[in-house]
Amino acid sequence: MKTRTEVTVEIDRWVVVSRPKKRRWCSVCALYVEMMSIDDAARLAQVNSRTIFHWAESGALHSSETTEGLLLICPHSPNLHS
C-alpha cells in the first residue's frame, strides 16, 4: 500500500527597518510619508539597489531627492509590494 504525504509551507515575511526618520513629501501620494533609502527599498522589494534606482528613474516608484542628492523612495510605491 502506497502512502502519499502532502506538505504545505506558508511563509510570512516582515521587514523591520530602524533608521533615522526621513519624513518627506511624496508628490504622487500627495502626503508626507516616511521615505526609505534605496537599500531599504531593495530589501523590501527583494531586488538589488540598481533595480530600485532604475525603477525610480523610469517613474515606476514614487521618489524624491534631498538637497544633498540622496534619492528617497516612498514606501507606498506599488512596485515595492508586488
Protein backbone atom coordinates (compact mmCIF):
# COMPACT_ATOMS: atom_id res chain seq x y z
CA MET A 1 0.00 0.00 0.00
CA LYS A 2 1.40 3.41 -1.02
CA THR A 3 1.11 6.42 1.23
CA ARG A 4 1.02 9.96 -0.05
CA THR A 5 2.23 12.78 2.15
CA GLU A 6 1.48 16.38 1.25
CA VAL A 7 3.38 19.20 2.91
CA THR A 8 2.21 22.82 2.76
CA VAL A 9 4.60 25.55 3.77
CA GLU A 10 3.38 29.08 4.44
CA ILE A 11 5.88 31.88 4.81
CA ASP A 12 5.22 35.35 6.19
CA ARG A 13 7.93 37.94 5.83
CA TRP A 14 8.38 41.06 7.92
CA VAL A 15 10.98 43.69 7.24
CA VAL A 16 11.78 45.95 10.17
CA VAL A 17 14.00 48.91 9.45
CA SER A 18 15.25 51.07 12.27
CA ARG A 19 16.81 54.21 10.84
CA PRO A 20 16.51 57.94 11.39
CA LYS A 21 13.16 59.15 10.09
CA LYS A 22 13.16 60.76 6.64
CA ARG A 23 9.72 62.35 6.53
CA ARG A 24 9.27 63.94 3.11
CA TRP A 25 6.52 64.98 0.74
CA CYS A 26 5.54 62.35 -1.85
CA SER A 27 4.11 64.25 -4.81
CA VAL A 28 2.41 61.12 -6.18
CA CYS A 29 0.67 60.21 -2.91
CA ALA A 30 0.19 63.92 -2.04
CA LEU A 31 1.17 63.08 1.56
CA TYR A 32 4.08 63.42 3.93
CA VAL A 33 5.49 59.91 4.37
CA GLU A 34 8.49 58.25 5.99
CA MET A 35 10.68 57.78 2.90
CA MET A 36 13.14 54.89 2.60
CA SER A 37 16.67 54.66 1.29
CA ILE A 38 17.37 52.78 -1.94
CA ASP A 39 18.91 49.91 0.04
CA ASP A 40 15.89 49.60 2.35
CA ALA A 41 13.52 49.66 -0.63
CA ALA A 42 15.62 46.96 -2.33
CA ARG A 43 15.35 44.71 0.73
CA LEU A 44 11.59 45.23 0.88
CA ALA A 45 11.09 44.50 -2.84
CA GLN A 46 13.65 41.65 -2.80
CA VAL A 47 15.63 43.14 -5.69
CA ASN A 48 19.04 44.81 -5.91
CA SER A 49 19.66 48.53 -5.39
CA ARG A 50 20.34 49.11 -9.08
CA THR A 51 16.83 47.86 -9.92
CA ILE A 52 15.32 50.32 -7.41
CA PHE A 53 17.35 53.14 -8.96
CA HIS A 54 16.15 52.21 -12.47
CA TRP A 55 12.54 51.94 -11.29
CA ALA A 56 12.80 55.38 -9.70
CA GLU A 57 14.37 56.87 -12.84
CA SER A 58 11.59 55.44 -15.02
CA GLY A 59 8.85 56.70 -12.68
CA ALA A 60 7.78 53.21 -11.61
CA LEU A 61 8.43 54.20 -7.96
CA HIS A 62 7.47 57.31 -6.06
CA SER A 63 10.75 59.04 -5.25
CA SER A 64 12.31 62.35 -4.30
CA GLU A 65 15.83 63.66 -3.98
CA THR A 66 17.19 65.54 -0.97
CA THR A 67 19.24 68.72 -1.28
CA GLU A 68 22.29 66.52 -0.56
CA GLY A 69 21.47 64.35 -3.58
CA LEU A 70 20.15 61.34 -1.63
CA LEU A 71 17.38 59.50 -3.51
CA LEU A 72 14.49 58.54 -1.23
CA ILE A 73 11.72 56.07 -2.07
CA CYS A 74 8.10 56.27 -0.94
CA PRO A 75 7.06 53.06 0.85
CA HIS A 76 3.62 53.27 -0.81
CA SER A 77 5.12 52.74 -4.29
CA PRO A 78 3.26 49.88 -5.97
CA ASN A 79 6.34 48.03 -7.29
CA LEU A 80 7.68 47.54 -3.77
CA HIS A 81 4.78 45.27 -2.84
CA SER A 82 4.14 43.28 -6.00
